[in-house]
N, C-alpha and C. Protein backbone atom coordinates (compact mmCIF):
# COMPACT_ATOMS: atom_id res chain seq x y z
N MET A 1 -91.86 -26.44 -129.60
CA MET A 1 -91.09 -25.19 -129.57
C MET A 1 -89.79 -24.85 -128.76
N ALA A 2 -88.80 -24.63 -129.13
CA ALA A 2 -87.63 -24.34 -128.39
C ALA A 2 -87.60 -23.32 -127.61
N LYS A 3 -86.84 -23.26 -126.42
CA LYS A 3 -86.94 -22.34 -125.39
C LYS A 3 -85.89 -21.36 -126.04
N GLU A 4 -85.76 -19.79 -125.41
CA GLU A 4 -85.01 -18.86 -126.35
C GLU A 4 -84.19 -18.48 -125.33
N VAL A 5 -82.92 -18.44 -125.36
CA VAL A 5 -81.99 -17.95 -124.39
C VAL A 5 -81.79 -16.45 -124.29
N VAL A 6 -82.47 -16.04 -123.26
CA VAL A 6 -82.24 -14.40 -122.92
C VAL A 6 -81.12 -14.43 -122.50
N LYS A 7 -80.48 -15.10 -121.86
CA LYS A 7 -79.33 -14.32 -120.92
C LYS A 7 -78.30 -15.53 -120.94
N ARG A 8 -77.01 -14.87 -120.87
CA ARG A 8 -75.88 -16.02 -120.62
C ARG A 8 -74.85 -15.36 -119.81
N ILE A 9 -75.10 -16.16 -118.77
CA ILE A 9 -73.88 -15.64 -117.54
C ILE A 9 -72.67 -16.89 -117.25
N LYS A 10 -71.61 -15.90 -117.01
CA LYS A 10 -70.39 -16.51 -116.44
C LYS A 10 -69.91 -16.33 -115.02
N LEU A 11 -69.63 -17.81 -114.32
CA LEU A 11 -69.46 -17.41 -112.85
C LEU A 11 -68.09 -18.18 -112.81
N GLN A 12 -67.20 -17.75 -111.60
CA GLN A 12 -66.34 -19.13 -111.13
C GLN A 12 -66.87 -19.10 -109.49
N ILE A 13 -67.02 -20.43 -109.18
CA ILE A 13 -67.37 -20.80 -108.09
C ILE A 13 -66.55 -21.88 -107.59
N GLU A 14 -66.49 -21.89 -106.31
CA GLU A 14 -65.54 -23.01 -105.85
C GLU A 14 -66.58 -24.44 -105.73
N ALA A 15 -65.88 -25.46 -106.19
CA ALA A 15 -66.67 -26.78 -106.43
C ALA A 15 -67.55 -27.08 -105.02
N GLY A 16 -68.87 -27.47 -105.20
CA GLY A 16 -69.82 -27.94 -104.02
C GLY A 16 -69.63 -26.99 -103.15
N LYS A 17 -69.07 -25.44 -103.37
CA LYS A 17 -69.74 -24.66 -102.35
C LYS A 17 -70.87 -23.59 -102.85
N ALA A 18 -71.71 -23.72 -103.55
CA ALA A 18 -72.44 -22.50 -104.12
C ALA A 18 -73.37 -22.43 -103.25
N THR A 19 -73.68 -21.05 -102.81
CA THR A 19 -74.65 -20.59 -101.91
C THR A 19 -75.50 -19.81 -102.63
N PRO A 20 -77.09 -19.23 -102.00
CA PRO A 20 -77.44 -18.11 -102.63
C PRO A 20 -77.06 -16.71 -102.32
N ALA A 21 -76.25 -16.62 -101.28
CA ALA A 21 -75.49 -15.41 -100.94
C ALA A 21 -74.90 -15.38 -102.57
N PRO A 22 -74.07 -13.74 -102.16
CA PRO A 22 -73.31 -13.04 -103.12
C PRO A 22 -71.88 -14.28 -103.51
N PRO A 23 -71.48 -14.11 -104.60
CA PRO A 23 -71.76 -13.38 -105.87
C PRO A 23 -72.87 -14.51 -106.63
N VAL A 24 -73.11 -15.27 -105.97
CA VAL A 24 -74.28 -16.50 -106.84
C VAL A 24 -75.38 -15.32 -106.94
N GLY A 25 -76.00 -14.83 -106.05
CA GLY A 25 -77.33 -14.35 -105.56
C GLY A 25 -77.63 -13.24 -106.60
N THR A 26 -76.44 -12.23 -106.31
CA THR A 26 -76.36 -11.13 -107.15
C THR A 26 -76.28 -11.02 -108.50
N VAL A 27 -75.82 -12.21 -109.02
CA VAL A 27 -75.57 -12.25 -110.26
C VAL A 27 -76.98 -13.23 -111.00
N LEU A 28 -77.67 -14.11 -110.39
CA LEU A 28 -78.62 -14.54 -110.93
C LEU A 28 -79.79 -14.58 -110.33
N GLY A 29 -80.19 -13.56 -109.28
CA GLY A 29 -81.31 -13.21 -108.63
C GLY A 29 -81.85 -12.40 -109.68
N PRO A 30 -81.10 -11.15 -110.55
CA PRO A 30 -82.22 -10.37 -111.16
C PRO A 30 -82.33 -11.24 -112.65
N ALA A 31 -81.80 -12.43 -112.92
CA ALA A 31 -82.20 -13.10 -114.17
C ALA A 31 -83.14 -13.98 -113.64
N GLY A 32 -83.77 -13.73 -112.84
CA GLY A 32 -84.88 -14.55 -112.46
C GLY A 32 -84.86 -16.04 -112.18
N VAL A 33 -83.55 -16.49 -111.73
CA VAL A 33 -83.49 -18.10 -111.81
C VAL A 33 -83.55 -18.52 -110.52
N ASN A 34 -84.10 -19.91 -110.09
CA ASN A 34 -84.25 -20.23 -108.84
C ASN A 34 -82.46 -20.59 -108.22
N LEU A 35 -82.55 -19.63 -107.34
CA LEU A 35 -81.26 -19.75 -106.75
C LEU A 35 -81.01 -21.16 -106.30
N GLN A 36 -81.89 -21.70 -105.27
CA GLN A 36 -81.56 -22.49 -104.77
C GLN A 36 -81.22 -24.10 -105.31
N GLU A 37 -82.65 -23.87 -106.47
CA GLU A 37 -82.07 -25.06 -107.54
C GLU A 37 -80.96 -24.71 -108.09
N PHE A 38 -80.46 -23.75 -108.79
CA PHE A 38 -79.04 -23.93 -109.15
C PHE A 38 -78.05 -24.12 -108.41
N CYS A 39 -77.80 -23.93 -107.24
CA CYS A 39 -76.91 -24.13 -106.33
C CYS A 39 -76.95 -25.71 -105.92
N THR A 40 -78.16 -26.41 -105.72
CA THR A 40 -78.27 -27.93 -105.55
C THR A 40 -77.78 -28.50 -106.70
N LYS A 41 -77.98 -28.24 -107.68
CA LYS A 41 -77.52 -28.88 -109.16
C LYS A 41 -76.21 -28.67 -109.53
N PHE A 42 -75.38 -27.41 -109.22
CA PHE A 42 -73.86 -27.02 -109.13
C PHE A 42 -73.44 -27.60 -108.02
N ASN A 43 -73.59 -27.93 -106.81
CA ASN A 43 -73.00 -28.61 -105.76
C ASN A 43 -73.05 -30.00 -106.04
N ASP A 44 -74.24 -30.46 -106.87
CA ASP A 44 -74.25 -32.27 -107.00
C ASP A 44 -73.15 -32.40 -108.10
N ALA A 45 -72.96 -31.45 -109.10
CA ALA A 45 -72.36 -31.82 -110.13
C ALA A 45 -70.94 -31.63 -109.87
N THR A 46 -70.45 -30.55 -108.90
CA THR A 46 -69.05 -30.73 -108.60
C THR A 46 -68.73 -31.27 -107.38
N ARG A 47 -69.16 -31.80 -106.59
CA ARG A 47 -69.07 -32.88 -105.77
C ARG A 47 -67.73 -33.57 -105.93
N ASP A 48 -67.21 -34.05 -106.91
CA ASP A 48 -65.83 -34.75 -107.25
C ASP A 48 -64.85 -34.10 -107.41
N LYS A 49 -64.91 -32.56 -107.43
CA LYS A 49 -64.01 -31.43 -107.60
C LYS A 49 -63.72 -30.72 -106.29
N MET A 50 -64.44 -30.86 -105.16
CA MET A 50 -64.04 -30.37 -104.19
C MET A 50 -62.63 -29.39 -103.77
N GLY A 51 -62.39 -28.26 -103.74
CA GLY A 51 -61.50 -27.63 -103.41
C GLY A 51 -61.25 -26.98 -104.58
N ASP A 52 -61.48 -27.19 -106.16
CA ASP A 52 -60.92 -26.55 -107.14
C ASP A 52 -62.24 -25.24 -107.54
N VAL A 53 -61.73 -24.35 -108.09
CA VAL A 53 -62.63 -23.13 -108.58
C VAL A 53 -62.82 -23.77 -109.92
N VAL A 54 -64.05 -23.91 -110.00
CA VAL A 54 -65.11 -24.27 -111.50
C VAL A 54 -65.84 -23.23 -112.16
N PRO A 55 -64.91 -22.81 -113.11
CA PRO A 55 -65.98 -21.75 -114.32
C PRO A 55 -67.11 -22.76 -114.66
N CYS A 56 -68.05 -21.99 -114.70
CA CYS A 56 -69.52 -22.00 -114.89
C CYS A 56 -70.16 -21.04 -116.12
N GLU A 57 -70.93 -21.91 -117.17
CA GLU A 57 -71.61 -21.19 -118.12
C GLU A 57 -72.77 -21.17 -118.01
N ILE A 58 -73.69 -20.44 -117.52
CA ILE A 58 -75.18 -20.34 -117.58
C ILE A 58 -75.80 -19.98 -118.35
N SER A 59 -77.18 -20.43 -119.07
CA SER A 59 -77.77 -20.05 -120.32
C SER A 59 -79.25 -19.98 -119.67
N VAL A 60 -79.81 -18.92 -119.41
CA VAL A 60 -81.08 -18.58 -118.79
C VAL A 60 -81.88 -18.19 -120.26
N TYR A 61 -83.45 -19.38 -120.03
CA TYR A 61 -84.50 -19.40 -120.81
C TYR A 61 -85.60 -18.28 -120.60
N ASP A 62 -86.41 -18.07 -121.74
CA ASP A 62 -87.29 -17.14 -121.36
C ASP A 62 -88.43 -17.14 -120.30
N ASP A 63 -88.17 -18.76 -120.03
CA ASP A 63 -89.36 -19.10 -119.18
C ASP A 63 -88.69 -19.38 -117.83
N ARG A 64 -87.67 -18.69 -117.32
CA ARG A 64 -86.76 -18.73 -116.29
C ARG A 64 -86.20 -20.03 -115.77
N SER A 65 -86.14 -21.20 -116.77
CA SER A 65 -85.45 -22.24 -116.54
C SER A 65 -84.10 -22.01 -116.95
N PHE A 66 -83.25 -22.88 -116.72
CA PHE A 66 -81.80 -22.40 -116.98
C PHE A 66 -81.05 -23.96 -117.15
N ASP A 67 -79.71 -24.18 -117.92
CA ASP A 67 -78.80 -24.79 -118.30
C ASP A 67 -77.40 -24.23 -117.73
N PHE A 68 -76.53 -25.08 -117.19
CA PHE A 68 -75.26 -24.93 -117.34
C PHE A 68 -74.32 -26.01 -117.83
N VAL A 69 -72.99 -25.22 -118.07
CA VAL A 69 -72.03 -26.32 -118.62
C VAL A 69 -70.80 -25.99 -117.64
N LEU A 70 -70.24 -26.65 -116.87
CA LEU A 70 -68.90 -26.92 -116.17
C LEU A 70 -67.56 -26.77 -117.09
N LYS A 71 -66.69 -26.16 -116.91
CA LYS A 71 -65.44 -25.99 -117.74
C LYS A 71 -63.97 -26.22 -116.72
N THR A 72 -63.16 -26.54 -117.08
CA THR A 72 -62.00 -26.82 -116.44
C THR A 72 -61.87 -25.40 -115.72
N PRO A 73 -60.85 -25.95 -114.10
CA PRO A 73 -60.44 -24.81 -113.65
C PRO A 73 -59.38 -23.96 -114.27
N PRO A 74 -59.38 -22.72 -114.15
CA PRO A 74 -58.30 -21.80 -114.44
C PRO A 74 -57.18 -22.02 -114.27
N ALA A 75 -56.46 -21.91 -115.39
CA ALA A 75 -54.90 -22.28 -115.27
C ALA A 75 -54.10 -21.90 -114.16
N GLY A 76 -54.36 -20.86 -114.06
CA GLY A 76 -53.53 -19.81 -112.82
C GLY A 76 -53.85 -20.78 -111.40
N PHE A 77 -55.16 -20.85 -111.53
CA PHE A 77 -55.09 -22.15 -110.05
C PHE A 77 -55.02 -23.06 -110.06
N LEU A 78 -54.91 -23.75 -110.93
CA LEU A 78 -53.91 -25.19 -111.24
C LEU A 78 -52.44 -25.31 -111.31
N LEU A 79 -51.90 -23.83 -111.22
CA LEU A 79 -50.48 -23.73 -111.40
C LEU A 79 -50.09 -23.38 -110.27
N LYS A 80 -51.00 -22.73 -109.41
CA LYS A 80 -50.69 -22.16 -107.94
C LYS A 80 -50.84 -23.45 -107.11
N LYS A 81 -51.56 -24.35 -107.16
CA LYS A 81 -51.83 -25.51 -106.66
C LYS A 81 -50.82 -26.22 -106.95
N ALA A 82 -50.16 -26.70 -108.02
CA ALA A 82 -49.07 -27.62 -108.17
C ALA A 82 -47.79 -27.08 -107.71
N ALA A 83 -47.81 -25.39 -107.55
CA ALA A 83 -46.42 -25.02 -107.11
C ALA A 83 -46.69 -24.71 -105.54
N LYS A 84 -47.74 -25.02 -105.13
CA LYS A 84 -48.28 -24.50 -103.58
C LYS A 84 -47.73 -23.04 -103.15
N VAL A 85 -48.39 -22.26 -104.08
CA VAL A 85 -48.26 -21.10 -103.44
C VAL A 85 -49.75 -20.25 -103.78
N GLN A 86 -49.55 -19.26 -102.95
CA GLN A 86 -51.24 -18.33 -102.69
C GLN A 86 -51.29 -17.44 -103.81
N LYS A 87 -50.43 -16.97 -104.59
CA LYS A 87 -50.54 -16.18 -105.72
C LYS A 87 -49.43 -15.95 -106.53
N GLY A 88 -49.48 -15.47 -107.44
CA GLY A 88 -48.12 -15.52 -108.54
C GLY A 88 -47.33 -14.18 -108.37
N SER A 89 -46.26 -13.92 -109.11
CA SER A 89 -45.54 -13.18 -108.74
C SER A 89 -45.97 -12.04 -109.20
N THR A 90 -45.34 -10.71 -108.46
CA THR A 90 -45.90 -9.35 -108.76
C THR A 90 -45.60 -8.85 -109.62
N LYS A 91 -44.22 -9.42 -110.30
CA LYS A 91 -43.60 -8.84 -111.23
C LYS A 91 -43.12 -9.79 -112.39
N GLY A 92 -44.25 -10.56 -112.60
CA GLY A 92 -44.43 -11.27 -113.64
C GLY A 92 -42.72 -12.22 -113.66
N ALA A 93 -42.66 -12.35 -115.08
CA ALA A 93 -41.63 -13.32 -115.52
C ALA A 93 -40.15 -12.86 -115.01
N ASN A 94 -40.09 -11.38 -114.46
CA ASN A 94 -38.64 -11.37 -113.63
C ASN A 94 -38.68 -11.53 -112.36
N GLU A 95 -39.57 -12.33 -111.61
CA GLU A 95 -39.29 -12.64 -110.35
C GLU A 95 -39.79 -14.26 -110.25
N ILE A 96 -38.97 -15.06 -110.13
CA ILE A 96 -39.60 -16.59 -110.15
C ILE A 96 -39.85 -16.59 -108.62
N ILE A 97 -41.04 -17.17 -108.22
CA ILE A 97 -41.49 -17.78 -107.11
C ILE A 97 -41.47 -19.09 -106.59
N ALA A 98 -41.60 -19.86 -107.65
CA ALA A 98 -41.68 -21.13 -107.66
C ALA A 98 -41.33 -22.25 -108.71
N THR A 99 -41.46 -23.49 -108.39
CA THR A 99 -40.66 -24.40 -109.91
C THR A 99 -41.40 -25.47 -109.94
N ILE A 100 -41.88 -25.65 -110.77
CA ILE A 100 -42.84 -27.10 -110.95
C ILE A 100 -42.33 -27.66 -112.06
N THR A 101 -42.48 -29.00 -111.84
CA THR A 101 -41.88 -30.20 -113.10
C THR A 101 -42.35 -29.98 -114.16
N LYS A 102 -41.73 -30.94 -115.32
CA LYS A 102 -42.33 -31.12 -116.39
C LYS A 102 -43.84 -31.97 -116.63
N GLU A 103 -43.72 -33.02 -115.29
CA GLU A 103 -45.03 -33.94 -115.42
C GLU A 103 -46.02 -33.04 -115.02
N ASP A 104 -46.08 -32.37 -113.68
CA ASP A 104 -46.89 -31.09 -113.25
C ASP A 104 -47.37 -30.30 -114.91
N LEU A 105 -46.99 -30.08 -115.64
CA LEU A 105 -47.30 -29.05 -116.69
C LEU A 105 -47.97 -29.80 -117.44
N ARG A 106 -47.61 -31.13 -117.63
CA ARG A 106 -48.44 -32.17 -118.40
C ARG A 106 -49.60 -32.56 -118.02
N LYS A 107 -49.83 -32.80 -116.88
CA LYS A 107 -51.08 -33.06 -115.84
C LYS A 107 -52.04 -32.06 -116.05
N ILE A 108 -51.40 -30.34 -116.13
CA ILE A 108 -52.26 -29.39 -116.00
C ILE A 108 -52.71 -29.37 -117.55
N ALA A 109 -51.62 -29.45 -118.35
CA ALA A 109 -52.40 -29.26 -119.86
C ALA A 109 -53.37 -30.16 -120.01
N GLU A 110 -52.97 -31.56 -119.73
CA GLU A 110 -54.30 -32.62 -119.75
C GLU A 110 -55.69 -32.20 -119.65
N VAL A 111 -55.59 -31.61 -118.20
CA VAL A 111 -57.02 -31.14 -117.76
C VAL A 111 -57.41 -30.18 -118.38
N LYS A 112 -56.84 -29.24 -118.82
CA LYS A 112 -57.30 -27.84 -119.46
C LYS A 112 -57.29 -27.94 -120.77
N LEU A 113 -56.85 -28.86 -121.44
CA LEU A 113 -56.85 -29.26 -123.15
C LEU A 113 -58.55 -29.13 -123.86
N PRO A 114 -59.44 -29.73 -123.08
CA PRO A 114 -61.06 -29.50 -123.70
C PRO A 114 -60.80 -27.92 -123.79
N ASP A 115 -60.82 -27.03 -122.83
CA ASP A 115 -60.97 -25.67 -123.14
C ASP A 115 -60.02 -24.94 -123.74
N LEU A 116 -58.88 -25.23 -124.16
CA LEU A 116 -57.81 -24.61 -124.85
C LEU A 116 -58.19 -24.42 -126.40
N ASN A 117 -57.40 -23.64 -126.98
CA ASN A 117 -57.47 -23.81 -128.29
C ASN A 117 -56.04 -24.32 -129.05
N ALA A 118 -56.08 -25.71 -128.76
CA ALA A 118 -55.05 -26.55 -128.91
C ALA A 118 -55.58 -27.96 -129.36
N TYR A 119 -54.77 -28.39 -130.26
CA TYR A 119 -55.30 -29.80 -130.75
C TYR A 119 -54.25 -31.06 -130.15
N ASP A 120 -53.19 -30.88 -129.33
CA ASP A 120 -52.68 -31.95 -128.88
C ASP A 120 -52.19 -31.57 -127.34
N VAL A 121 -51.76 -32.52 -126.44
CA VAL A 121 -51.08 -31.85 -125.47
C VAL A 121 -49.85 -31.22 -125.39
N GLU A 122 -49.13 -31.33 -126.53
CA GLU A 122 -47.91 -30.61 -126.53
C GLU A 122 -48.04 -28.98 -126.64
N ALA A 123 -49.28 -28.83 -127.64
CA ALA A 123 -49.78 -27.22 -127.80
C ALA A 123 -50.13 -26.67 -126.69
N ALA A 124 -51.22 -27.47 -125.58
CA ALA A 124 -51.65 -27.24 -124.58
C ALA A 124 -50.35 -26.80 -123.57
N MET A 125 -49.43 -27.59 -123.48
CA MET A 125 -48.06 -27.40 -122.81
C MET A 125 -47.63 -26.08 -122.77
N ASN A 126 -47.55 -25.73 -124.17
CA ASN A 126 -46.93 -24.53 -124.69
C ASN A 126 -47.84 -23.25 -123.81
N ILE A 127 -48.94 -23.30 -123.84
CA ILE A 127 -49.88 -22.42 -123.51
C ILE A 127 -49.94 -22.54 -121.84
N ILE A 128 -49.78 -23.44 -121.09
CA ILE A 128 -49.79 -23.75 -120.00
C ILE A 128 -48.37 -23.14 -119.59
N GLU A 129 -47.09 -23.19 -120.19
CA GLU A 129 -45.99 -22.67 -119.87
C GLU A 129 -45.95 -21.45 -120.14
N GLY A 130 -46.58 -20.86 -121.13
CA GLY A 130 -46.36 -19.26 -121.09
C GLY A 130 -47.18 -18.76 -119.96
N THR A 131 -48.28 -19.23 -119.36
CA THR A 131 -49.21 -18.38 -118.59
C THR A 131 -48.33 -18.55 -117.18
N ALA A 132 -47.70 -19.97 -117.06
CA ALA A 132 -46.74 -20.30 -115.88
C ALA A 132 -45.46 -19.19 -115.99
N ARG A 133 -45.00 -18.78 -116.74
CA ARG A 133 -43.88 -17.95 -117.01
C ARG A 133 -44.39 -16.38 -116.35
N ASN A 134 -45.79 -15.95 -117.05
CA ASN A 134 -46.06 -14.53 -116.32
C ASN A 134 -46.54 -14.68 -115.20
N MET A 135 -46.78 -15.93 -114.49
CA MET A 135 -46.90 -15.81 -113.03
C MET A 135 -45.54 -16.20 -112.26
N GLY A 136 -44.48 -15.93 -112.93
CA GLY A 136 -43.38 -16.19 -112.10
C GLY A 136 -42.98 -17.56 -111.58
N ILE A 137 -43.35 -18.62 -112.56
CA ILE A 137 -43.25 -19.83 -111.96
C ILE A 137 -42.39 -20.91 -113.19
N ALA A 138 -41.40 -21.17 -112.83
CA ALA A 138 -40.47 -21.86 -113.69
C ALA A 138 -40.53 -23.60 -113.94
N VAL A 139 -40.55 -23.88 -115.11
CA VAL A 139 -40.58 -25.36 -115.16
C VAL A 139 -39.39 -26.23 -115.39
N LYS A 140 -39.11 -26.89 -114.49
CA LYS A 140 -37.84 -27.87 -114.69
C LYS A 140 -37.44 -28.44 -115.82
N GLY A 141 -36.38 -28.15 -116.22
CA GLY A 141 -36.07 -28.46 -117.31
C GLY A 141 -36.40 -27.78 -118.77
N VAL A 142 -37.49 -27.17 -118.68
CA VAL A 142 -37.84 -26.53 -119.72
C VAL A 142 -37.64 -24.82 -119.80
N ASN A 143 -38.01 -24.00 -119.09
CA ASN A 143 -37.18 -22.91 -119.10
C ASN A 143 -36.78 -21.99 -117.48
N ASP A 144 -36.46 -22.99 -116.62
CA ASP A 144 -35.97 -22.36 -115.12
C ASP A 144 -34.67 -21.68 -115.74
N ALA A 145 -33.90 -22.16 -116.38
CA ALA A 145 -32.45 -21.71 -116.59
C ALA A 145 -32.67 -20.24 -117.24
N GLU A 146 -33.52 -20.08 -118.03
CA GLU A 146 -33.92 -18.93 -118.84
C GLU A 146 -34.53 -17.70 -118.12
N LEU A 147 -35.24 -18.56 -117.20
CA LEU A 147 -36.26 -17.31 -116.10
C LEU A 147 -35.56 -17.16 -115.25
N ALA A 148 -34.20 -17.89 -114.66
CA ALA A 148 -33.06 -17.52 -113.88
C ALA A 148 -32.48 -16.47 -114.50
N GLU A 149 -32.19 -16.44 -115.37
CA GLU A 149 -31.29 -15.45 -116.20
C GLU A 149 -32.07 -14.18 -116.17
N GLN A 150 -33.38 -14.35 -116.91
CA GLN A 150 -33.97 -13.08 -116.65
C GLN A 150 -34.22 -12.32 -115.33
N ALA A 151 -34.40 -13.18 -114.68
CA ALA A 151 -34.70 -12.65 -112.98
C ALA A 151 -33.42 -12.15 -112.40
N ALA A 152 -32.11 -12.37 -113.14
CA ALA A 152 -30.92 -11.75 -112.57
C ALA A 152 -30.57 -10.33 -113.46
N GLU A 153 -31.14 -10.15 -114.60
CA GLU A 153 -30.95 -9.30 -115.45
C GLU A 153 -32.22 -8.28 -115.25
N ALA A 154 -33.45 -8.65 -114.64
CA ALA A 154 -34.12 -7.67 -113.76
C ALA A 154 -33.83 -7.08 -112.45
N ARG A 155 -33.06 -7.93 -111.56
CA ARG A 155 -32.42 -7.82 -110.49
C ARG A 155 -31.52 -6.51 -110.92
N LYS A 156 -30.51 -6.80 -111.72
CA LYS A 156 -29.35 -5.76 -112.25
C LYS A 156 -29.81 -4.43 -112.65
N GLU A 157 -30.98 -4.48 -113.41
CA GLU A 157 -31.78 -3.55 -114.11
C GLU A 157 -32.65 -2.76 -112.76
N GLU A 158 -32.89 -3.44 -111.69
CA GLU A 158 -33.43 -2.59 -110.66
C GLU A 158 -32.63 -1.84 -109.92
N ALA A 159 -31.33 -2.44 -109.62
CA ALA A 159 -30.25 -1.76 -108.95
C ALA A 159 -29.33 -0.34 -109.78
N GLU A 160 -29.61 -0.78 -110.96
CA GLU A 160 -29.08 0.72 -111.96
C GLU A 160 -30.19 1.73 -111.41
N ALA A 161 -31.57 1.11 -111.96
CA ALA A 161 -32.58 2.29 -111.76
C ALA A 161 -32.46 2.74 -110.52
N ALA A 162 -32.05 1.86 -109.32
CA ALA A 162 -32.04 2.86 -107.89
C ALA A 162 -30.75 3.59 -107.68
N LYS A 163 -29.76 3.65 -108.34
CA LYS A 163 -28.62 3.75 -108.82
C LYS A 163 -29.00 5.39 -109.36
N ARG A 164 -29.52 5.29 -110.42
CA ARG A 164 -30.07 6.33 -110.95
C ARG A 164 -30.99 7.32 -109.85
N ASP A 165 -31.83 6.83 -109.79
CA ASP A 165 -32.83 7.80 -108.69
C ASP A 165 -32.16 8.37 -107.83
N ALA A 166 -31.08 7.63 -106.92
CA ALA A 166 -30.18 8.20 -105.89
C ALA A 166 -29.68 9.80 -106.57
N GLU A 167 -28.95 9.36 -107.84
CA GLU A 167 -28.40 10.25 -108.57
C GLU A 167 -28.85 11.36 -109.06
N LEU A 168 -30.23 11.36 -109.55
CA LEU A 168 -31.34 12.54 -109.70
C LEU A 168 -31.52 13.19 -108.27
N ALA A 169 -31.77 12.20 -107.13
CA ALA A 169 -32.09 12.89 -105.96
C ALA A 169 -31.32 14.17 -105.81
N GLU A 170 -29.72 13.40 -105.51
CA GLU A 170 -28.76 14.17 -104.95
C GLU A 170 -28.45 15.23 -106.11
N MET A 171 -28.71 15.42 -107.45
CA MET A 171 -28.89 16.63 -108.61
C MET A 171 -29.81 17.70 -108.03
N GLU A 172 -30.92 16.94 -107.67
CA GLU A 172 -31.97 17.58 -107.27
C GLU A 172 -31.62 18.79 -106.15
N ALA A 173 -31.02 17.98 -105.14
CA ALA A 173 -31.03 18.96 -103.68
C ALA A 173 -29.69 20.20 -103.99
N GLU A 174 -28.85 19.47 -105.03
CA GLU A 174 -27.85 20.34 -105.39
C GLU A 174 -28.33 21.79 -105.90
N ALA A 175 -29.61 21.40 -106.93
CA ALA A 175 -29.96 22.40 -107.82
C ALA A 175 -30.83 23.37 -106.68
N LYS A 176 -31.41 22.78 -105.66
CA LYS A 176 -32.32 23.39 -104.74
C LYS A 176 -31.18 24.43 -103.75
N GLU A 177 -29.89 23.82 -103.50
CA GLU A 177 -29.21 24.72 -102.76
C GLU A 177 -28.34 26.07 -103.63
N PHE A 178 -28.63 25.43 -104.96
CA PHE A 178 -28.01 26.60 -105.76
C PHE A 178 -28.82 27.57 -105.76
N ASN A 179 -30.24 27.25 -106.10
CA ASN A 179 -31.33 28.30 -106.34
C ASN A 179 -31.59 28.96 -104.95
N ALA A 180 -31.34 28.74 -103.77
CA ALA A 180 -31.36 29.36 -102.70
C ALA A 180 -30.51 30.32 -102.65
N ASP A 181 -29.44 30.28 -103.43
CA ASP A 181 -28.49 31.56 -103.10
C ASP A 181 -28.42 32.70 -104.34
N VAL A 182 -29.46 32.43 -105.49
CA VAL A 182 -29.42 33.13 -106.27
C VAL A 182 -30.93 34.00 -106.09
N PRO A 183 -30.54 35.43 -106.10
CA PRO A 183 -31.62 36.46 -105.85
C PRO A 183 -32.61 36.18 -106.83
N VAL A 184 -34.20 36.25 -106.83
CA VAL A 184 -35.19 36.34 -107.87
C VAL A 184 -35.27 37.58 -108.57
N ILE A 185 -35.39 38.04 -109.87
CA ILE A 185 -34.95 39.07 -110.42
C ILE A 185 -36.64 39.64 -110.30
N GLY A 186 -37.47 38.94 -110.04
CA GLY A 186 -38.74 39.34 -110.51
C GLY A 186 -39.45 40.21 -108.83
N ASP A 187 -38.73 39.75 -107.80
CA ASP A 187 -38.99 40.33 -106.62
C ASP A 187 -38.43 41.80 -106.56
N GLU A 188 -37.19 41.95 -106.94
CA GLU A 188 -36.70 43.37 -106.75
C GLU A 188 -37.46 44.35 -107.68
N THR A 189 -38.05 43.93 -108.95
CA THR A 189 -38.54 44.85 -109.49
C THR A 189 -40.17 45.29 -109.14
N LYS A 190 -40.48 44.35 -108.40
CA LYS A 190 -41.68 44.71 -107.36
C LYS A 190 -41.42 45.30 -106.22
N GLU A 191 -40.33 45.24 -105.74
CA GLU A 191 -39.98 46.05 -104.53
C GLU A 191 -39.79 47.58 -105.16
N GLU A 192 -39.17 47.92 -106.12
CA GLU A 192 -39.17 48.93 -106.91
C GLU A 192 -39.93 49.79 -107.01
N THR A 193 -41.02 49.37 -107.57
CA THR A 193 -42.42 49.53 -108.13
C THR A 193 -43.16 50.06 -106.70
N GLU A 194 -43.16 49.59 -105.62
CA GLU A 194 -43.81 49.52 -104.39
C GLU A 194 -42.98 50.88 -103.98
N GLU A 195 -41.86 51.29 -104.10
CA GLU A 195 -41.08 52.51 -103.63
C GLU A 195 -41.63 53.59 -104.42
N ASN A 196 -41.96 53.62 -105.85
CA ASN A 196 -42.18 54.66 -106.52
C ASN A 196 -43.68 55.11 -106.23
């Protein structure tokens, strides 16, 4: 009789560094998985990928045994590694923080191809290029000129927004000065009723 899957759990763990401590322990403990056994198997399976973050899909069966499938590292992680940056842009495509080559893009696409919804490397490159664009990473010869133009437009828009904010603040200050000189009508009628 086939074992029944009672739970599927997805984790992203650094290769070769799984320990029974959180986050692994807090997720797998309630599922009844032998934590030490999982950590040993995971670390052995990912020893060749040290330094990478490896997504893992764990199937827990009704007898508390488990299987796991390793996926390719996240595209964002691979792009940051290729661009040698700690994190992506906070403003998305409006701010270029790094540039990678088309060869780097191809390598990342080849690594990610099994997990992407693409039939060939060219389609995978388009997907990875979109991720890079949203992280503020330009691809030399592909979209670097376009992203630089977008960044220039974004800076121009930010300058215009700052100018509008300054004008608005000035208008609000003038309105406060004007309102300070005008007597409030409601207060006069209140004083008259108190006198009567």
